[in-house]
Each structure stands twice: as C-alpha cells, then as structure tokens.
Full PDB file with SEQRES, HELIX, SHEET, SSBOND, CRYST1, ORIGX, SCALE, CONECT and MASTER records, all heavy atoms in Angstrom:
SEQRES   1 A   32  ALA VAL LEU LEU GLY CYS PHE THR HIS ALA PHE ALA GLN          
SEQRES   2 A   32  GLU LEU SER TRP PRO GLY ASP LEU SER ALA TYR GLN PRO          
SEQRES   3 A   32  ALA VAL PRO ARG PHE ARG                                      
HELIX    1 AA1 VAL A    2  GLU A   14  1                                  13    
HELIX    2 AA2 SER A   22  TYR A   24  5                                   3    
CRYST1    1.000    1.000    1.000  90.00  90.00  90.00 P 1           1          
ORIGX1      1.000000  0.000000  0.000000        0.00000                         
ORIGX2      0.000000  1.000000  0.000000        0.00000                         
ORIGX3      0.000000  0.000000  1.000000        0.00000                         
SCALE1      1.000000  0.000000  0.000000        0.00000                         
SCALE2      0.000000  1.000000  0.000000        0.00000                         
SCALE3      0.000000  0.000000  1.000000        0.00000                         
ATOM      1  N   ALA A   1     -19.336 -65.519  27.046  1.00  0.00           N  
ATOM      2  CA  ALA A   1     -20.296 -65.341  28.147  1.00  0.00           C  
ATOM      3  C   ALA A   1     -19.854 -66.142  29.390  1.00  0.00           C  
ATOM      4  O   ALA A   1     -19.945 -65.724  30.505  1.00  0.00           O  
ATOM      5  CB  ALA A   1     -21.679 -65.758  27.711  1.00  0.00           C  
ATOM      6  N   VAL A   2     -19.333 -67.387  29.114  1.00  0.00           N  
ATOM      7  CA  VAL A   2     -18.909 -68.238  30.221  1.00  0.00           C  
ATOM      8  C   VAL A   2     -17.727 -67.627  30.933  1.00  0.00           C  
ATOM      9  O   VAL A   2     -17.669 -67.546  32.170  1.00  0.00           O  
ATOM     10  CB  VAL A   2     -18.567 -69.671  29.727  1.00  0.00           C  
ATOM     11  CG1 VAL A   2     -17.857 -70.449  30.828  1.00  0.00           C  
ATOM     12  CG2 VAL A   2     -19.822 -70.375  29.235  1.00  0.00           C  
ATOM     13  N   LEU A   3     -16.764 -67.104  30.166  1.00  0.00           N  
ATOM     14  CA  LEU A   3     -15.580 -66.467  30.786  1.00  0.00           C  
ATOM     15  C   LEU A   3     -15.956 -65.278  31.589  1.00  0.00           C  
ATOM     16  O   LEU A   3     -15.453 -65.024  32.704  1.00  0.00           O  
ATOM     17  CB  LEU A   3     -14.584 -66.103  29.651  1.00  0.00           C  
ATOM     18  CG  LEU A   3     -13.867 -67.252  28.966  1.00  0.00           C  
ATOM     19  CD1 LEU A   3     -12.988 -66.723  27.859  1.00  0.00           C  
ATOM     20  CD2 LEU A   3     -13.006 -68.025  29.982  1.00  0.00           C  
ATOM     21  N   LEU A   4     -16.898 -64.439  31.055  1.00  0.00           N  
ATOM     22  CA  LEU A   4     -17.367 -63.265  31.802  1.00  0.00           C  
ATOM     23  C   LEU A   4     -17.997 -63.683  33.106  1.00  0.00           C  
ATOM     24  O   LEU A   4     -17.757 -63.094  34.158  1.00  0.00           O  
ATOM     25  CB  LEU A   4     -18.336 -62.469  30.963  1.00  0.00           C  
ATOM     26  CG  LEU A   4     -17.748 -61.566  29.848  1.00  0.00           C  
ATOM     27  CD1 LEU A   4     -18.859 -61.023  28.993  1.00  0.00           C  
ATOM     28  CD2 LEU A   4     -16.926 -60.467  30.459  1.00  0.00           C  
ATOM     29  N   GLY A   5     -18.808 -64.730  33.068  1.00  0.00           N  
ATOM     30  CA  GLY A   5     -19.454 -65.207  34.282  1.00  0.00           C  
ATOM     31  C   GLY A   5     -18.475 -65.706  35.313  1.00  0.00           C  
ATOM     32  O   GLY A   5     -18.630 -65.384  36.480  1.00  0.00           O  
ATOM     33  N   CYS A   6     -17.486 -66.435  34.903  1.00  0.00           N  
ATOM     34  CA  CYS A   6     -16.452 -66.889  35.799  1.00  0.00           C  
ATOM     35  C   CYS A   6     -15.674 -65.778  36.404  1.00  0.00           C  
ATOM     36  O   CYS A   6     -15.368 -65.788  37.593  1.00  0.00           O  
ATOM     37  CB  CYS A   6     -15.510 -67.884  35.049  1.00  0.00           C  
ATOM     38  SG  CYS A   6     -16.316 -69.429  34.549  1.00  0.00           S  
ATOM     39  N   PHE A   7     -15.327 -64.810  35.580  1.00  0.00           N  
ATOM     40  CA  PHE A   7     -14.551 -63.678  36.082  1.00  0.00           C  
ATOM     41  C   PHE A   7     -15.331 -62.898  37.111  1.00  0.00           C  
ATOM     42  O   PHE A   7     -14.823 -62.482  38.167  1.00  0.00           O  
ATOM     43  CB  PHE A   7     -14.144 -62.763  34.935  1.00  0.00           C  
ATOM     44  CG  PHE A   7     -13.129 -61.699  35.356  1.00  0.00           C  
ATOM     45  CD1 PHE A   7     -11.775 -61.959  35.280  1.00  0.00           C  
ATOM     46  CD2 PHE A   7     -13.557 -60.477  35.860  1.00  0.00           C  
ATOM     47  CE1 PHE A   7     -10.844 -61.026  35.668  1.00  0.00           C  
ATOM     48  CE2 PHE A   7     -12.612 -59.536  36.282  1.00  0.00           C  
ATOM     49  CZ  PHE A   7     -11.257 -59.808  36.158  1.00  0.00           C  
ATOM     50  N   THR A   8     -16.633 -62.642  36.858  1.00  0.00           N  
ATOM     51  CA  THR A   8     -17.464 -61.917  37.804  1.00  0.00           C  
ATOM     52  C   THR A   8     -17.522 -62.662  39.130  1.00  0.00           C  
ATOM     53  O   THR A   8     -17.400 -62.062  40.205  1.00  0.00           O  
ATOM     54  CB  THR A   8     -18.884 -61.746  37.256  1.00  0.00           C  
ATOM     55  OG1 THR A   8     -18.799 -60.974  36.075  1.00  0.00           O  
ATOM     56  CG2 THR A   8     -19.787 -61.031  38.247  1.00  0.00           C  
ATOM     57  N   HIS A   9     -17.689 -63.960  39.077  1.00  0.00           N  
ATOM     58  CA  HIS A   9     -17.793 -64.730  40.301  1.00  0.00           C  
ATOM     59  C   HIS A   9     -16.466 -64.658  41.098  1.00  0.00           C  
ATOM     60  O   HIS A   9     -16.487 -64.420  42.293  1.00  0.00           O  
ATOM     61  CB  HIS A   9     -18.112 -66.201  39.985  1.00  0.00           C  
ATOM     62  CG  HIS A   9     -18.159 -67.085  41.157  1.00  0.00           C  
ATOM     63  ND1 HIS A   9     -19.204 -67.052  42.064  1.00  0.00           N  
ATOM     64  CD2 HIS A   9     -17.268 -68.020  41.655  1.00  0.00           C  
ATOM     65  CE1 HIS A   9     -19.005 -67.929  43.048  1.00  0.00           C  
ATOM     66  NE2 HIS A   9     -17.834 -68.536  42.799  1.00  0.00           N  
ATOM     67  N   ALA A  10     -15.312 -64.770  40.404  1.00  0.00           N  
ATOM     68  CA  ALA A  10     -14.021 -64.689  41.093  1.00  0.00           C  
ATOM     69  C   ALA A  10     -13.844 -63.310  41.721  1.00  0.00           C  
ATOM     70  O   ALA A  10     -13.373 -63.168  42.831  1.00  0.00           O  
ATOM     71  CB  ALA A  10     -12.914 -64.977  40.103  1.00  0.00           C  
ATOM     72  N   PHE A  11     -14.206 -62.288  40.936  1.00  0.00           N  
ATOM     73  CA  PHE A  11     -14.036 -60.910  41.439  1.00  0.00           C  
ATOM     74  C   PHE A  11     -14.915 -60.661  42.683  1.00  0.00           C  
ATOM     75  O   PHE A  11     -14.462 -60.097  43.674  1.00  0.00           O  
ATOM     76  CB  PHE A  11     -14.399 -59.941  40.321  1.00  0.00           C  
ATOM     77  CG  PHE A  11     -14.996 -58.642  40.790  1.00  0.00           C  
ATOM     78  CD1 PHE A  11     -14.267 -57.722  41.534  1.00  0.00           C  
ATOM     79  CD2 PHE A  11     -16.311 -58.344  40.471  1.00  0.00           C  
ATOM     80  CE1 PHE A  11     -14.833 -56.564  41.957  1.00  0.00           C  
ATOM     81  CE2 PHE A  11     -16.922 -57.164  40.904  1.00  0.00           C  
ATOM     82  CZ  PHE A  11     -16.161 -56.275  41.632  1.00  0.00           C  
ATOM     83  N   ALA A  12     -16.175 -61.109  42.601  1.00  0.00           N  
ATOM     84  CA  ALA A  12     -17.078 -60.913  43.736  1.00  0.00           C  
ATOM     85  C   ALA A  12     -16.585 -61.622  44.989  1.00  0.00           C  
ATOM     86  O   ALA A  12     -16.715 -61.089  46.088  1.00  0.00           O  
ATOM     87  CB  ALA A  12     -18.469 -61.360  43.360  1.00  0.00           C  
ATOM     88  N   GLN A  13     -16.030 -62.812  44.798  1.00  0.00           N  
ATOM     89  CA  GLN A  13     -15.503 -63.519  45.962  1.00  0.00           C  
ATOM     90  C   GLN A  13     -14.298 -62.820  46.585  1.00  0.00           C  
ATOM     91  O   GLN A  13     -14.085 -62.786  47.779  1.00  0.00           O  
ATOM     92  CB  GLN A  13     -15.127 -64.958  45.560  1.00  0.00           C  
ATOM     93  CG  GLN A  13     -16.290 -65.796  45.174  1.00  0.00           C  
ATOM     94  CD  GLN A  13     -17.223 -66.071  46.348  1.00  0.00           C  
ATOM     95  OE1 GLN A  13     -16.769 -66.301  47.457  1.00  0.00           O  
ATOM     96  NE2 GLN A  13     -18.522 -65.998  46.117  1.00  0.00           N  
ATOM     97  N   GLU A  14     -13.476 -62.252  45.731  1.00  0.00           N  
ATOM     98  CA  GLU A  14     -12.216 -61.615  46.156  1.00  0.00           C  
ATOM     99  C   GLU A  14     -12.485 -60.279  46.886  1.00  0.00           C  
ATOM    100  O   GLU A  14     -11.799 -59.942  47.844  1.00  0.00           O  
ATOM    101  CB  GLU A  14     -11.291 -61.377  44.958  1.00  0.00           C  
ATOM    102  CG  GLU A  14      -9.990 -60.708  45.329  1.00  0.00           C  
ATOM    103  CD  GLU A  14      -9.170 -60.401  44.117  1.00  0.00           C  
ATOM    104  OE1 GLU A  14      -9.582 -60.715  42.965  1.00  0.00           O  
ATOM    105  OE2 GLU A  14      -8.087 -59.800  44.292  1.00  0.00           O  
ATOM    106  N   LEU A  15     -13.474 -59.496  46.414  1.00  0.00           N  
ATOM    107  CA  LEU A  15     -13.751 -58.190  46.951  1.00  0.00           C  
ATOM    108  C   LEU A  15     -14.619 -58.319  48.130  1.00  0.00           C  
ATOM    109  O   LEU A  15     -15.848 -58.428  48.027  1.00  0.00           O  
ATOM    110  CB  LEU A  15     -14.385 -57.304  45.873  1.00  0.00           C  
ATOM    111  CG  LEU A  15     -14.565 -55.820  46.264  1.00  0.00           C  
ATOM    112  CD1 LEU A  15     -13.274 -55.160  46.599  1.00  0.00           C  
ATOM    113  CD2 LEU A  15     -15.270 -55.064  45.128  1.00  0.00           C  
ATOM    114  N   SER A  16     -14.049 -58.358  49.327  1.00  0.00           N  
ATOM    115  CA  SER A  16     -14.778 -58.540  50.580  1.00  0.00           C  
ATOM    116  C   SER A  16     -14.300 -57.535  51.598  1.00  0.00           C  
ATOM    117  O   SER A  16     -13.219 -56.904  51.465  1.00  0.00           O  
ATOM    118  CB  SER A  16     -14.646 -59.954  51.097  1.00  0.00           C  
ATOM    119  OG  SER A  16     -13.279 -60.244  51.321  1.00  0.00           O  
ATOM    120  N   TRP A  17     -15.105 -57.344  52.642  1.00  0.00           N  
ATOM    121  CA  TRP A  17     -14.831 -56.346  53.643  1.00  0.00           C  
ATOM    122  C   TRP A  17     -13.532 -56.674  54.364  1.00  0.00           C  
ATOM    123  O   TRP A  17     -13.280 -57.808  54.729  1.00  0.00           O  
ATOM    124  CB  TRP A  17     -15.982 -56.296  54.642  1.00  0.00           C  
ATOM    125  CG  TRP A  17     -15.916 -55.111  55.545  1.00  0.00           C  
ATOM    126  CD1 TRP A  17     -15.387 -55.043  56.824  1.00  0.00           C  
ATOM    127  CD2 TRP A  17     -16.376 -53.788  55.230  1.00  0.00           C  
ATOM    128  NE1 TRP A  17     -15.492 -53.766  57.291  1.00  0.00           N  
ATOM    129  CE2 TRP A  17     -16.088 -52.982  56.364  1.00  0.00           C  
ATOM    130  CE3 TRP A  17     -16.959 -53.233  54.125  1.00  0.00           C  
ATOM    131  CZ2 TRP A  17     -16.402 -51.641  56.389  1.00  0.00           C  
ATOM    132  CZ3 TRP A  17     -17.286 -51.879  54.193  1.00  0.00           C  
ATOM    133  CH2 TRP A  17     -17.007 -51.094  55.267  1.00  0.00           C  
ATOM    134  N   PRO A  18     -12.646 -55.676  54.585  1.00  0.00           N  
ATOM    135  CA  PRO A  18     -11.379 -55.957  55.274  1.00  0.00           C  
ATOM    136  C   PRO A  18     -11.605 -56.409  56.705  1.00  0.00           C  
ATOM    137  O   PRO A  18     -12.332 -55.772  57.483  1.00  0.00           O  
ATOM    138  CB  PRO A  18     -10.639 -54.604  55.223  1.00  0.00           C  
ATOM    139  CG  PRO A  18     -11.699 -53.586  55.001  1.00  0.00           C  
ATOM    140  CD  PRO A  18     -12.777 -54.270  54.199  1.00  0.00           C  
ATOM    141  N   GLY A  19     -11.037 -57.532  57.101  1.00  0.00           N  
ATOM    142  CA  GLY A  19     -11.288 -58.075  58.404  1.00  0.00           C  
ATOM    143  C   GLY A  19     -10.488 -57.415  59.493  1.00  0.00           C  
ATOM    144  O   GLY A  19     -10.913 -57.334  60.659  1.00  0.00           O  
ATOM    145  N   ASP A  20      -9.316 -56.893  59.195  1.00  0.00           N  
ATOM    146  CA  ASP A  20      -8.423 -56.311  60.159  1.00  0.00           C  
ATOM    147  C   ASP A  20      -8.193 -54.837  59.810  1.00  0.00           C  
ATOM    148  O   ASP A  20      -7.619 -54.538  58.773  1.00  0.00           O  
ATOM    149  CB  ASP A  20      -7.099 -57.079  60.165  1.00  0.00           C  
ATOM    150  CG  ASP A  20      -6.113 -56.539  61.228  1.00  0.00           C  
ATOM    151  OD1 ASP A  20      -6.522 -55.698  62.052  1.00  0.00           O  
ATOM    152  OD2 ASP A  20      -4.955 -57.001  61.221  1.00  0.00           O  
ATOM    153  N   LEU A  21      -8.626 -53.972  60.695  1.00  0.00           N  
ATOM    154  CA  LEU A  21      -8.455 -52.516  60.424  1.00  0.00           C  
ATOM    155  C   LEU A  21      -7.317 -51.903  61.230  1.00  0.00           C  
ATOM    156  O   LEU A  21      -7.216 -50.690  61.362  1.00  0.00           O  
ATOM    157  CB  LEU A  21      -9.792 -51.777  60.781  1.00  0.00           C  
ATOM    158  CG  LEU A  21     -10.998 -52.165  59.930  1.00  0.00           C  
ATOM    159  CD1 LEU A  21     -12.196 -51.335  60.389  1.00  0.00           C  
ATOM    160  CD2 LEU A  21     -10.721 -51.946  58.445  1.00  0.00           C  
ATOM    161  N   SER A  22      -6.454 -52.724  61.780  1.00  0.00           N  
ATOM    162  CA  SER A  22      -5.340 -52.210  62.603  1.00  0.00           C  
ATOM    163  C   SER A  22      -4.420 -51.289  61.790  1.00  0.00           C  
ATOM    164  O   SER A  22      -3.887 -50.339  62.335  1.00  0.00           O  
ATOM    165  CB  SER A  22      -4.550 -53.345  63.201  1.00  0.00           C  
ATOM    166  OG  SER A  22      -4.009 -54.180  62.207  1.00  0.00           O  
ATOM    167  N   ALA A  23      -4.277 -51.605  60.483  1.00  0.00           N  
ATOM    168  CA  ALA A  23      -3.389 -50.760  59.662  1.00  0.00           C  
ATOM    169  C   ALA A  23      -3.957 -49.356  59.476  1.00  0.00           C  
ATOM    170  O   ALA A  23      -3.247 -48.429  59.090  1.00  0.00           O  
ATOM    171  CB  ALA A  23      -3.172 -51.407  58.293  1.00  0.00           C  
ATOM    172  N   TYR A  24      -5.276 -49.203  59.740  1.00  0.00           N  
ATOM    173  CA  TYR A  24      -5.930 -47.896  59.552  1.00  0.00           C  
ATOM    174  C   TYR A  24      -5.815 -46.980  60.794  1.00  0.00           C  
ATOM    175  O   TYR A  24      -6.101 -45.805  60.741  1.00  0.00           O  
ATOM    176  CB  TYR A  24      -7.416 -48.085  59.266  1.00  0.00           C  
ATOM    177  CG  TYR A  24      -7.718 -48.803  57.944  1.00  0.00           C  
ATOM    178  CD1 TYR A  24      -7.501 -50.153  57.759  1.00  0.00           C  
ATOM    179  CD2 TYR A  24      -8.240 -48.095  56.874  1.00  0.00           C  
ATOM    180  CE1 TYR A  24      -7.773 -50.792  56.609  1.00  0.00           C  
ATOM    181  CE2 TYR A  24      -8.567 -48.707  55.688  1.00  0.00           C  
ATOM    182  CZ  TYR A  24      -8.326 -50.068  55.543  1.00  0.00           C  
ATOM    183  OH  TYR A  24      -8.614 -50.679  54.348  1.00  0.00           O  
ATOM    184  N   GLN A  25      -5.416 -47.579  61.924  1.00  0.00           N  
ATOM    185  CA  GLN A  25      -5.446 -46.841  63.196  1.00  0.00           C  
ATOM    186  C   GLN A  25      -4.249 -45.916  63.332  1.00  0.00           C  
ATOM    187  O   GLN A  25      -3.097 -46.414  63.318  1.00  0.00           O  
ATOM    188  CB  GLN A  25      -5.499 -47.818  64.356  1.00  0.00           C  
ATOM    189  CG  GLN A  25      -6.726 -48.669  64.394  1.00  0.00           C  
ATOM    190  CD  GLN A  25      -8.003 -47.889  64.652  1.00  0.00           C  
ATOM    191  OE1 GLN A  25      -7.970 -46.840  65.270  1.00  0.00           O  
ATOM    192  NE2 GLN A  25      -9.127 -48.414  64.178  1.00  0.00           N  
ATOM    193  N   PRO A  26      -4.455 -44.637  63.441  1.00  0.00           N  
ATOM    194  CA  PRO A  26      -3.326 -43.700  63.593  1.00  0.00           C  
ATOM    195  C   PRO A  26      -2.754 -43.742  65.015  1.00  0.00           C  
ATOM    196  O   PRO A  26      -3.439 -44.021  65.962  1.00  0.00           O  
ATOM    197  CB  PRO A  26      -3.945 -42.330  63.311  1.00  0.00           C  
ATOM    198  CG  PRO A  26      -5.388 -42.489  63.668  1.00  0.00           C  
ATOM    199  CD  PRO A  26      -5.741 -43.909  63.387  1.00  0.00           C  
ATOM    200  N   ALA A  27      -1.453 -43.471  65.126  1.00  0.00           N  
ATOM    201  CA  ALA A  27      -0.858 -43.264  66.410  1.00  0.00           C  
ATOM    202  C   ALA A  27      -1.331 -41.928  66.958  1.00  0.00           C  
ATOM    203  O   ALA A  27      -1.307 -40.924  66.232  1.00  0.00           O  
ATOM    204  CB  ALA A  27       0.680 -43.302  66.294  1.00  0.00           C  
ATOM    205  N   VAL A  28      -1.724 -41.902  68.203  1.00  0.00           N  
ATOM    206  CA  VAL A  28      -2.289 -40.700  68.815  1.00  0.00           C  
ATOM    207  C   VAL A  28      -1.216 -39.958  69.555  1.00  0.00           C  
ATOM    208  O   VAL A  28      -0.454 -40.527  70.349  1.00  0.00           O  
ATOM    209  CB  VAL A  28      -3.469 -41.057  69.753  1.00  0.00           C  
ATOM    210  CG1 VAL A  28      -4.062 -39.770  70.374  1.00  0.00           C  
ATOM    211  CG2 VAL A  28      -4.543 -41.807  68.977  1.00  0.00           C  
ATOM    212  N   PRO A  29      -1.128 -38.622  69.398  1.00  0.00           N  
ATOM    213  CA  PRO A  29      -0.102 -37.869  70.126  1.00  0.00           C  
ATOM    214  C   PRO A  29      -0.360 -37.827  71.622  1.00  0.00           C  
ATOM    215  O   PRO A  29      -1.524 -37.923  72.074  1.00  0.00           O  
ATOM    216  CB  PRO A  29      -0.186 -36.448  69.514  1.00  0.00           C  
ATOM    217  CG  PRO A  29      -1.594 -36.387  69.016  1.00  0.00           C  
ATOM    218  CD  PRO A  29      -1.987 -37.729  68.555  1.00  0.00           C  
ATOM    219  N   ARG A  30       0.705 -37.695  72.362  1.00  0.00           N  
ATOM    220  CA  ARG A  30       0.607 -37.513  73.825  1.00  0.00           C  
ATOM    221  C   ARG A  30       1.303 -36.227  74.186  1.00  0.00           C  
ATOM    222  O   ARG A  30       2.359 -35.884  73.653  1.00  0.00           O  
ATOM    223  CB  ARG A  30       1.252 -38.707  74.557  1.00  0.00           C  
ATOM    224  CG  ARG A  30       0.541 -40.025  74.297  1.00  0.00           C  
ATOM    225  CD  ARG A  30       1.168 -41.166  75.143  1.00  0.00           C  
ATOM    226  NE  ARG A  30       0.441 -42.413  74.949  1.00  0.00           N  
ATOM    227  CZ  ARG A  30       0.712 -43.533  75.567  1.00  0.00           C  
ATOM    228  NH1 ARG A  30       1.748 -43.557  76.428  1.00  0.00           N  
ATOM    229  NH2 ARG A  30       0.021 -44.641  75.350  1.00  0.00           N  
ATOM    230  N   PHE A  31       0.675 -35.501  75.110  1.00  0.00           N  
ATOM    231  CA  PHE A  31       1.171 -34.179  75.427  1.00  0.00           C  
ATOM    232  C   PHE A  31       1.496 -34.111  76.951  1.00  0.00           C  
ATOM    233  O   PHE A  31       0.847 -34.752  77.773  1.00  0.00           O  
ATOM    234  CB  PHE A  31       0.092 -33.100  75.090  1.00  0.00           C  
ATOM    235  CG  PHE A  31      -0.341 -33.117  73.693  1.00  0.00           C  
ATOM    236  CD1 PHE A  31      -1.562 -33.714  73.350  1.00  0.00           C  
ATOM    237  CD2 PHE A  31       0.470 -32.601  72.708  1.00  0.00           C  
ATOM    238  CE1 PHE A  31      -1.967 -33.700  72.022  1.00  0.00           C  
ATOM    239  CE2 PHE A  31       0.052 -32.619  71.374  1.00  0.00           C  
ATOM    240  CZ  PHE A  31      -1.134 -33.174  71.017  1.00  0.00           C  
ATOM    241  N   ARG A  32       2.532 -33.315  77.226  1.00  0.00           N  
ATOM    242  CA  ARG A  32       2.857 -33.067  78.624  1.00  0.00           C  
ATOM    243  C   ARG A  32       1.733 -32.232  79.261  1.00  0.00           C  
ATOM    244  O   ARG A  32       1.017 -31.547  78.591  1.00  0.00           O  
ATOM    245  CB  ARG A  32       4.165 -32.331  78.740  1.00  0.00           C  
ATOM    246  CG  ARG A  32       5.398 -33.137  78.201  1.00  0.00           C  
ATOM    247  CD  ARG A  32       6.666 -32.363  78.265  1.00  0.00           C  
ATOM    248  NE  ARG A  32       6.971 -31.928  79.631  1.00  0.00           N  
ATOM    249  CZ  ARG A  32       8.007 -31.187  79.929  1.00  0.00           C  
ATOM    250  NH1 ARG A  32       8.864 -30.794  78.981  1.00  0.00           N  
ATOM    251  NH2 ARG A  32       8.230 -30.827  81.193  1.00  0.00           N  
TER     252      ARG A  32                                                      
MASTER        0    0    0    2    0    0    0    6  251    1    0    3          
END                                                                             
C-alpha cells in the first residue's frame, strides 16, 4: 500500500500540463 501511494504521488506530480506548445505549431504555407 505504501509503495502504491508513493508511485501515485510521483506519477501525479510528473503528469502536468505542457508549458511550451511551440513544438505543436505548424509552419503555415505562403502563396504568391
């Protein structure tokens, strides 16, 4: 039970909202 509790706490701390979304931004085409 103690190990499960520790693992849950570590997992919850690790899984957080991504702070930087620049990698998600697509390059936009440009047209003449």
